[in-house]
Amino acid sequence: MWRTFFKMSLTVGWVLWLAVMAWFAVGMARYLPSADATLTPIMLTSGQTARAEVYRIREAPLWMEARFGGPMGRARPELGESTTRVGALEATPRYVNPGEPVRIRVRDGKGLDVVLAAAPLSAASATHFYRKLWPESHADGALLETAQGFPMLAKGTSNLTFTVQEVGPALQGEQIELEISAPIGLKRTAAGWDDVSTFIFWPFYAAILGAWALVWGGLTWWYRRRNRRTAKQAPA
């Protein structure tokens, strides 16, 4: 009796493992092309162009930042500065220094044609300074990136063309990188992308699946070995 129960338990366990493994494989196939940012170098000279190819498994917002050279700690007032008013609704930023203007036109040949304006400095790392690129209607930072009217990338492959429309004198000729951010992340996820963002924690899922396979594999080996011993010991 116990053999039948144990065998059924092993079978059910392996079937469940295979089902979860299939879910994991499909999820990773959708997650991997959606998780990485795309970087495109461009020189800040009026009329300068650059191109990038971006793939999305479904329609996604065009979240972009301009990456300026560091290092952190270097004073770059030309990139702007913002603070948050105490008690302001939704912590709306107030621009102390808007920074030198940077306006980039983005087209994809499918109908997307938008001019993005650089907001004041929003973040810094050990090697870069970051300015978000907003549609001109959002440039004062009063509207969120999820607000209606934010530009969207079409499903599939988009061949984007970037053209420098305007750049302030202090930034003329500087080589920067345009970063097209992923629609998923720990800090923000685009609407409708929650099912894909779940796989940000894929190492945790992989560890569970691996441990499950090891345990079930060990139990299966033990069960078969015990059955062989029982068969040998059985009287002829």
C-alpha atoms as a PDB file:
ATOM      1  CA  MET A   1       0.000   0.000   0.000  1.00  0.00           C
ATOM      2  CA  TRP A   2       2.720   2.445   0.954  1.00  0.00           C
ATOM      3  CA  ARG A   3       4.541   1.701  -2.305  1.00  0.00           C
ATOM      4  CA  THR A   4       1.520   2.679  -4.353  1.00  0.00           C
ATOM      5  CA  PHE A   5       1.057   5.866  -2.339  1.00  0.00           C
ATOM      6  CA  PHE A   6       4.774   6.734  -2.577  1.00  0.00           C
ATOM      7  CA  LYS A   7       4.849   6.091  -6.318  1.00  0.00           C
ATOM      8  CA  MET A   8       1.769   8.256  -6.883  1.00  0.00           C
ATOM      9  CA  SER A   9       3.286  11.023  -4.762  1.00  0.00           C
ATOM     10  CA  LEU A  10       6.473  10.936  -6.823  1.00  0.00           C
ATOM     11  CA  THR A  11       4.498  11.030 -10.070  1.00  0.00           C
ATOM     12  CA  VAL A  12       2.326  13.941  -8.943  1.00  0.00           C
ATOM     13  CA  GLY A  13       5.418  15.794  -7.714  1.00  0.00           C
ATOM     14  CA  TRP A  14       7.211  15.407 -11.043  1.00  0.00           C
ATOM     15  CA  VAL A  15       4.108  16.461 -13.002  1.00  0.00           C
ATOM     16  CA  LEU A  16       3.782  19.587 -10.870  1.00  0.00           C
ATOM     17  CA  TRP A  17       7.505  20.299 -11.247  1.00  0.00           C
ATOM     18  CA  LEU A  18       7.254  20.018 -15.024  1.00  0.00           C
ATOM     19  CA  ALA A  19       4.229  22.357 -15.058  1.00  0.00           C
ATOM     20  CA  VAL A  20       6.009  24.967 -12.914  1.00  0.00           C
ATOM     21  CA  MET A  21       9.164  24.557 -15.016  1.00  0.00           C
ATOM     22  CA  ALA A  22       7.151  25.244 -18.177  1.00  0.00           C
ATOM     23  CA  TRP A  23       5.683  28.386 -16.550  1.00  0.00           C
ATOM     24  CA  PHE A  24       9.181  29.481 -15.560  1.00  0.00           C
ATOM     25  CA  ALA A  25      10.611  28.884 -19.050  1.00  0.00           C
ATOM     26  CA  VAL A  26       7.821  30.830 -20.762  1.00  0.00           C
ATOM     27  CA  GLY A  27       8.131  33.641 -18.222  1.00  0.00           C
ATOM     28  CA  MET A  28      11.888  33.914 -18.700  1.00  0.00           C
ATOM     29  CA  ALA A  29      11.464  33.959 -22.484  1.00  0.00           C
ATOM     30  CA  ARG A  30       9.260  37.042 -22.048  1.00  0.00           C
ATOM     31  CA  TYR A  31      11.308  38.602 -19.256  1.00  0.00           C
ATOM     32  CA  LEU A  32      14.788  38.527 -20.813  1.00  0.00           C
ATOM     33  CA  PRO A  33      14.056  40.780 -23.832  1.00  0.00           C
ATOM     34  CA  SER A  34      12.096  43.144 -21.574  1.00  0.00           C
ATOM     35  CA  ALA A  35      14.525  43.671 -18.710  1.00  0.00           C
ATOM     36  CA  ASP A  36      17.527  45.418 -20.248  1.00  0.00           C
ATOM     37  CA  ALA A  37      17.965  49.096 -21.025  1.00  0.00           C
ATOM     38  CA  THR A  38      19.186  50.162 -24.472  1.00  0.00           C
ATOM     39  CA  LEU A  39      22.070  52.644 -24.668  1.00  0.00           C
ATOM     40  CA  THR A  40      22.733  54.838 -27.698  1.00  0.00           C
ATOM     41  CA  PRO A  41      25.642  57.320 -27.894  1.00  0.00           C
ATOM     42  CA  ILE A  42      24.971  60.718 -29.427  1.00  0.00           C
ATOM     43  CA  MET A  43      26.821  64.015 -29.629  1.00  0.00           C
ATOM     44  CA  LEU A  44      24.949  67.080 -28.421  1.00  0.00           C
ATOM     45  CA  THR A  45      25.161  69.122 -31.587  1.00  0.00           C
ATOM     46  CA  SER A  46      22.067  70.540 -33.221  1.00  0.00           C
ATOM     47  CA  GLY A  47      20.976  68.239 -36.065  1.00  0.00           C
ATOM     48  CA  GLN A  48      23.069  65.289 -34.879  1.00  0.00           C
ATOM     49  CA  THR A  49      21.295  61.936 -35.238  1.00  0.00           C
ATOM     50  CA  ALA A  50      21.597  58.454 -33.764  1.00  0.00           C
ATOM     51  CA  ARG A  51      19.654  55.227 -34.130  1.00  0.00           C
ATOM     52  CA  ALA A  52      18.639  52.312 -31.952  1.00  0.00           C
ATOM     53  CA  GLU A  53      16.629  49.110 -32.328  1.00  0.00           C
ATOM     54  CA  VAL A  54      14.298  48.257 -29.465  1.00  0.00           C
ATOM     55  CA  TYR A  55      12.111  45.176 -29.060  1.00  0.00           C
ATOM     56  CA  ARG A  56       9.035  44.999 -26.835  1.00  0.00           C
ATOM     57  CA  ILE A  57       6.768  41.981 -26.360  1.00  0.00           C
ATOM     58  CA  ARG A  58       3.817  44.371 -26.045  1.00  0.00           C
ATOM     59  CA  GLU A  59       3.173  48.114 -26.183  1.00  0.00           C
ATOM     60  CA  ALA A  60       5.338  49.906 -23.623  1.00  0.00           C
ATOM     61  CA  PRO A  61       6.048  53.487 -22.544  1.00  0.00           C
ATOM     62  CA  LEU A  62       9.102  55.230 -23.963  1.00  0.00           C
ATOM     63  CA  TRP A  63      10.993  55.927 -20.743  1.00  0.00           C
ATOM     64  CA  MET A  64      14.279  57.677 -21.487  1.00  0.00           C
ATOM     65  CA  GLU A  65      17.165  59.336 -19.688  1.00  0.00           C
ATOM     66  CA  ALA A  66      20.249  61.209 -20.838  1.00  0.00           C
ATOM     67  CA  ARG A  67      23.487  59.945 -19.235  1.00  0.00           C
ATOM     68  CA  PHE A  68      26.185  62.576 -18.816  1.00  0.00           C
ATOM     69  CA  GLY A  69      29.769  61.842 -17.817  1.00  0.00           C
ATOM     70  CA  GLY A  70      30.858  61.925 -14.151  1.00  0.00           C
ATOM     71  CA  PRO A  71      32.556  61.299 -11.850  1.00  0.00           C
ATOM     72  CA  MET A  72      30.177  61.726  -8.918  1.00  0.00           C
ATOM     73  CA  GLY A  73      31.049  64.720  -6.793  1.00  0.00           C
ATOM     74  CA  ARG A  74      31.970  66.882  -9.749  1.00  0.00           C
ATOM     75  CA  ALA A  75      29.960  70.094  -9.891  1.00  0.00           C
ATOM     76  CA  ARG A  76      27.823  70.273 -13.017  1.00  0.00           C
ATOM     77  CA  PRO A  77      25.354  73.140 -12.515  1.00  0.00           C
ATOM     78  CA  GLU A  78      24.640  73.129 -16.258  1.00  0.00           C
ATOM     79  CA  LEU A  79      22.671  69.897 -15.725  1.00  0.00           C
ATOM     80  CA  GLY A  80      20.202  71.594 -13.406  1.00  0.00           C
ATOM     81  CA  GLU A  81      18.936  70.964  -9.917  1.00  0.00           C
ATOM     82  CA  SER A  82      15.513  70.370  -8.378  1.00  0.00           C
ATOM     83  CA  THR A  83      14.091  70.132  -4.885  1.00  0.00           C
ATOM     84  CA  THR A  84      10.742  69.093  -3.445  1.00  0.00           C
ATOM     85  CA  ARG A  85       8.484  71.538  -1.696  1.00  0.00           C
ATOM     86  CA  VAL A  86       7.648  70.506   1.861  1.00  0.00           C
ATOM     87  CA  GLY A  87       4.020  69.406   1.989  1.00  0.00           C
ATOM     88  CA  ALA A  88       3.596  69.545  -1.784  1.00  0.00           C
ATOM     89  CA  LEU A  89       0.935  67.306  -3.296  1.00  0.00           C
ATOM     90  CA  GLU A  90       2.550  64.009  -4.375  1.00  0.00           C
ATOM     91  CA  ALA A  91       5.959  65.532  -3.660  1.00  0.00           C
ATOM     92  CA  THR A  92       5.843  67.647  -6.831  1.00  0.00           C
ATOM     93  CA  PRO A  93       9.375  68.847  -7.652  1.00  0.00           C
ATOM     94  CA  ARG A  94      10.261  72.521  -7.849  1.00  0.00           C
ATOM     95  CA  TYR A  95      13.047  73.440 -10.219  1.00  0.00           C
ATOM     96  CA  VAL A  96      15.753  75.515  -8.555  1.00  0.00           C
ATOM     97  CA  ASN A  97      17.851  75.449 -11.722  1.00  0.00           C
ATOM     98  CA  PRO A  98      16.318  73.974 -14.912  1.00  0.00           C
ATOM     99  CA  GLY A  99      19.748  73.367 -16.423  1.00  0.00           C
ATOM    100  CA  GLU A 100      20.924  73.872 -19.971  1.00  0.00           C
ATOM    101  CA  PRO A 101      18.183  72.953 -22.463  1.00  0.00           C
ATOM    102  CA  VAL A 102      18.384  69.622 -24.284  1.00  0.00           C
ATOM    103  CA  ARG A 103      15.622  68.650 -26.704  1.00  0.00           C
ATOM    104  CA  ILE A 104      15.656  65.352 -28.601  1.00  0.00           C
ATOM    105  CA  ARG A 105      13.215  64.374 -31.347  1.00  0.00           C
ATOM    106  CA  VAL A 106      12.321  60.667 -31.433  1.00  0.00           C
ATOM    107  CA  ARG A 107      10.724  58.910 -34.413  1.00  0.00           C
ATOM    108  CA  ASP A 108      10.082  55.240 -35.138  1.00  0.00           C
ATOM    109  CA  GLY A 109       8.607  55.335 -38.646  1.00  0.00           C
ATOM    110  CA  LYS A 110       5.332  53.891 -37.326  1.00  0.00           C
ATOM    111  CA  GLY A 111       3.674  57.094 -36.192  1.00  0.00           C
ATOM    112  CA  LEU A 112       5.746  57.938 -33.128  1.00  0.00           C
ATOM    113  CA  ASP A 113       7.141  61.438 -33.485  1.00  0.00           C
ATOM    114  CA  VAL A 114       7.770  63.248 -30.209  1.00  0.00           C
ATOM    115  CA  VAL A 115      10.160  65.854 -28.849  1.00  0.00           C
ATOM    116  CA  LEU A 116      11.613  65.031 -25.443  1.00  0.00           C
ATOM    117  CA  ALA A 117      13.039  67.708 -23.161  1.00  0.00           C
ATOM    118  CA  ALA A 118      15.639  67.069 -20.479  1.00  0.00           C
ATOM    119  CA  ALA A 119      14.511  67.685 -16.901  1.00  0.00           C
ATOM    120  CA  PRO A 120      17.007  68.844 -14.270  1.00  0.00           C
ATOM    121  CA  LEU A 121      19.471  66.370 -12.787  1.00  0.00           C
ATOM    122  CA  SER A 122      17.521  63.491 -11.221  1.00  0.00           C
ATOM    123  CA  ALA A 123      20.233  61.042 -10.122  1.00  0.00           C
ATOM    124  CA  ALA A 124      23.957  60.337 -10.123  1.00  0.00           C
ATOM    125  CA  SER A 125      26.194  57.273  -9.924  1.00  0.00           C
ATOM    126  CA  ALA A 126      29.933  56.881  -9.533  1.00  0.00           C
ATOM    127  CA  THR A 127      30.405  57.490 -13.253  1.00  0.00           C
ATOM    128  CA  HIS A 128      27.319  59.265 -14.612  1.00  0.00           C
ATOM    129  CA  PHE A 129      24.758  62.003 -14.086  1.00  0.00           C
ATOM    130  CA  TYR A 130      21.176  61.389 -15.221  1.00  0.00           C
ATOM    131  CA  ARG A 131      18.528  63.731 -16.617  1.00  0.00           C
ATOM    132  CA  LYS A 132      15.113  62.298 -17.442  1.00  0.00           C
ATOM    133  CA  LEU A 133      13.775  63.017 -20.902  1.00  0.00           C
ATOM    134  CA  TRP A 134      10.118  64.015 -20.800  1.00  0.00           C
ATOM    135  CA  PRO A 135       7.626  64.927 -23.547  1.00  0.00           C
ATOM    136  CA  GLU A 136       7.523  68.701 -23.706  1.00  0.00           C
ATOM    137  CA  SER A 137       4.001  68.685 -22.275  1.00  0.00           C
ATOM    138  CA  HIS A 138       5.413  66.898 -19.183  1.00  0.00           C
ATOM    139  CA  ALA A 139       8.680  68.805 -18.972  1.00  0.00           C
ATOM    140  CA  ASP A 140       7.797  70.656 -15.772  1.00  0.00           C
ATOM    141  CA  GLY A 141       7.588  67.304 -13.955  1.00  0.00           C
ATOM    142  CA  ALA A 142       4.008  67.941 -12.828  1.00  0.00           C
ATOM    143  CA  LEU A 143       2.706  64.849 -14.630  1.00  0.00           C
ATOM    144  CA  LEU A 144       3.774  61.287 -13.911  1.00  0.00           C
ATOM    145  CA  GLU A 145       5.380  58.978 -16.472  1.00  0.00           C
ATOM    146  CA  THR A 146       2.179  56.939 -16.420  1.00  0.00           C
ATOM    147  CA  ALA A 147       0.056  59.987 -17.269  1.00  0.00           C
ATOM    148  CA  GLN A 148      -2.055  59.987 -20.406  1.00  0.00           C
ATOM    149  CA  GLY A 149      -0.190  61.301 -23.423  1.00  0.00           C
ATOM    150  CA  PHE A 150       3.175  59.777 -22.528  1.00  0.00           C
ATOM    151  CA  PRO A 151       4.742  58.343 -25.728  1.00  0.00           C
ATOM    152  CA  MET A 152       4.446  54.600 -26.300  1.00  0.00           C
ATOM    153  CA  LEU A 153       6.613  52.123 -28.180  1.00  0.00           C
ATOM    154  CA  ALA A 154       4.737  49.698 -30.411  1.00  0.00           C
ATOM    155  CA  LYS A 155       4.753  45.943 -29.888  1.00  0.00           C
ATOM    156  CA  GLY A 156       7.606  44.254 -31.725  1.00  0.00           C
ATOM    157  CA  THR A 157      10.778  45.831 -33.075  1.00  0.00           C
ATOM    158  CA  SER A 158      11.019  49.621 -33.266  1.00  0.00           C
ATOM    159  CA  ASN A 159      13.814  51.289 -35.208  1.00  0.00           C
ATOM    160  CA  LEU A 160      14.186  54.605 -33.429  1.00  0.00           C
ATOM    161  CA  THR A 161      15.851  57.706 -34.811  1.00  0.00           C
ATOM    162  CA  PHE A 162      17.032  60.409 -32.405  1.00  0.00           C
ATOM    163  CA  THR A 163      17.727  63.945 -33.600  1.00  0.00           C
ATOM    164  CA  VAL A 164      19.141  66.734 -31.454  1.00  0.00           C
ATOM    165  CA  GLN A 165      16.752  69.693 -31.806  1.00  0.00           C
ATOM    166  CA  GLU A 166      18.265  72.059 -29.259  1.00  0.00           C
ATOM    167  CA  VAL A 167      21.187  72.073 -26.840  1.00  0.00           C
ATOM    168  CA  GLY A 168      22.453  74.777 -24.491  1.00  0.00           C
ATOM    169  CA  PRO A 169      25.854  76.420 -25.080  1.00  0.00           C
ATOM    170  CA  ALA A 170      27.504  74.779 -22.049  1.00  0.00           C
ATOM    171  CA  LEU A 171      26.643  71.297 -23.381  1.00  0.00           C
ATOM    172  CA  GLN A 172      27.466  71.857 -27.048  1.00  0.00           C
ATOM    173  CA  GLY A 173      29.534  69.024 -28.490  1.00  0.00           C
ATOM    174  CA  GLU A 174      29.342  66.790 -25.402  1.00  0.00           C
ATOM    175  CA  GLN A 175      29.126  63.058 -26.043  1.00  0.00           C
ATOM    176  CA  ILE A 176      26.333  61.479 -23.988  1.00  0.00           C
ATOM    177  CA  GLU A 177      24.300  58.275 -23.968  1.00  0.00           C
ATOM    178  CA  LEU A 178      20.561  58.058 -24.444  1.00  0.00           C
ATOM    179  CA  GLU A 179      19.153  55.322 -22.244  1.00  0.00           C
ATOM    180  CA  ILE A 180      15.857  53.698 -23.213  1.00  0.00           C
ATOM    181  CA  SER A 181      14.742  52.208 -19.920  1.00  0.00           C
ATOM    182  CA  ALA A 182      13.089  48.824 -19.537  1.00  0.00           C
ATOM    183  CA  PRO A 183       9.313  48.838 -18.839  1.00  0.00           C
ATOM    184  CA  ILE A 184       9.907  46.762 -15.694  1.00  0.00           C
ATOM    185  CA  GLY A 185      12.074  47.263 -12.640  1.00  0.00           C
ATOM    186  CA  LEU A 186      12.214  47.183  -8.861  1.00  0.00           C
ATOM    187  CA  LYS A 187      11.331  50.878  -8.573  1.00  0.00           C
ATOM    188  CA  ARG A 188       8.750  51.194 -11.323  1.00  0.00           C
ATOM    189  CA  THR A 189       6.777  48.971 -13.669  1.00  0.00           C
ATOM    190  CA  ALA A 190       4.649  50.059 -16.585  1.00  0.00           C
ATOM    191  CA  ALA A 191       0.924  49.445 -16.476  1.00  0.00           C
ATOM    192  CA  GLY A 192       0.051  45.977 -17.766  1.00  0.00           C
ATOM    193  CA  TRP A 193       3.572  44.599 -17.205  1.00  0.00           C
ATOM    194  CA  ASP A 194       3.123  43.129 -13.714  1.00  0.00           C
ATOM    195  CA  ASP A 195       3.075  39.552 -15.020  1.00  0.00           C
ATOM    196  CA  VAL A 196       6.521  40.063 -16.584  1.00  0.00           C
ATOM    197  CA  SER A 197       7.998  42.022 -13.664  1.00  0.00           C
ATOM    198  CA  THR A 198       7.291  38.994 -11.443  1.00  0.00           C
ATOM    199  CA  PHE A 199      10.366  37.395 -13.007  1.00  0.00           C
ATOM    200  CA  ILE A 200      12.694  40.047 -11.596  1.00  0.00           C
ATOM    201  CA  PHE A 201      13.046  37.486  -8.799  1.00  0.00           C
ATOM    202  CA  TRP A 202      13.913  34.655 -11.194  1.00  0.00           C
ATOM    203  CA  PRO A 203      17.026  33.518  -9.214  1.00  0.00           C
ATOM    204  CA  PHE A 204      14.734  32.771  -6.264  1.00  0.00           C
ATOM    205  CA  TYR A 205      12.362  30.761  -8.466  1.00  0.00           C
ATOM    206  CA  ALA A 206      15.274  28.927 -10.086  1.00  0.00           C
ATOM    207  CA  ALA A 207      16.651  27.995  -6.657  1.00  0.00           C
ATOM    208  CA  ILE A 208      13.274  26.564  -5.592  1.00  0.00           C
ATOM    209  CA  LEU A 209      12.957  24.557  -8.812  1.00  0.00           C
ATOM    210  CA  GLY A 210      16.506  23.272  -8.446  1.00  0.00           C
ATOM    211  CA  ALA A 211      16.009  22.229  -4.822  1.00  0.00           C
ATOM    212  CA  TRP A 212      12.689  20.590  -5.734  1.00  0.00           C
ATOM    213  CA  ALA A 213      14.358  18.608  -8.542  1.00  0.00           C
ATOM    214  CA  LEU A 214      17.185  17.473  -6.243  1.00  0.00           C
ATOM    215  CA  VAL A 215      14.795  16.304  -3.519  1.00  0.00           C
ATOM    216  CA  TRP A 216      12.456  14.521  -5.923  1.00  0.00           C
ATOM    217  CA  GLY A 217      15.381  13.051  -7.814  1.00  0.00           C
ATOM    218  CA  GLY A 218      16.816  11.684  -4.577  1.00  0.00           C
ATOM    219  CA  LEU A 219      13.474  10.221  -3.524  1.00  0.00           C
ATOM    220  CA  THR A 220      12.978   8.657  -6.951  1.00  0.00           C
ATOM    221  CA  TRP A 221      16.445   7.067  -6.840  1.00  0.00           C
ATOM    222  CA  TRP A 222      15.803   5.733  -3.314  1.00  0.00           C
ATOM    223  CA  TYR A 223      12.399   4.311  -4.316  1.00  0.00           C
ATOM    224  CA  ARG A 224      13.766   2.510  -7.376  1.00  0.00           C
ATOM    225  CA  ARG A 225      16.764   1.176  -5.458  1.00  0.00           C
ATOM    226  CA  ARG A 226      14.489  -0.165  -2.715  1.00  0.00           C
ATOM    227  CA  ASN A 227      12.237  -1.819  -5.301  1.00  0.00           C
ATOM    228  CA  ARG A 228      15.222  -3.561  -6.907  1.00  0.00           C
ATOM    229  CA  ARG A 229      16.397  -4.833  -3.513  1.00  0.00           C
ATOM    230  CA  THR A 230      12.890  -6.097  -2.677  1.00  0.00           C
ATOM    231  CA  ALA A 231      12.681  -7.856  -6.030  1.00  0.00           C
ATOM    232  CA  LYS A 232      16.021  -9.623  -5.448  1.00  0.00           C
ATOM    233  CA  GLN A 233      15.032 -10.704  -1.947  1.00  0.00           C
ATOM    234  CA  ALA A 234      11.657 -12.093  -3.037  1.00  0.00           C
ATOM    235  CA  PRO A 235      11.523 -15.942  -3.100  1.00  0.00           C
ATOM    236  CA  ALA A 236      11.620 -17.553  -6.493  1.00  0.00           C
END
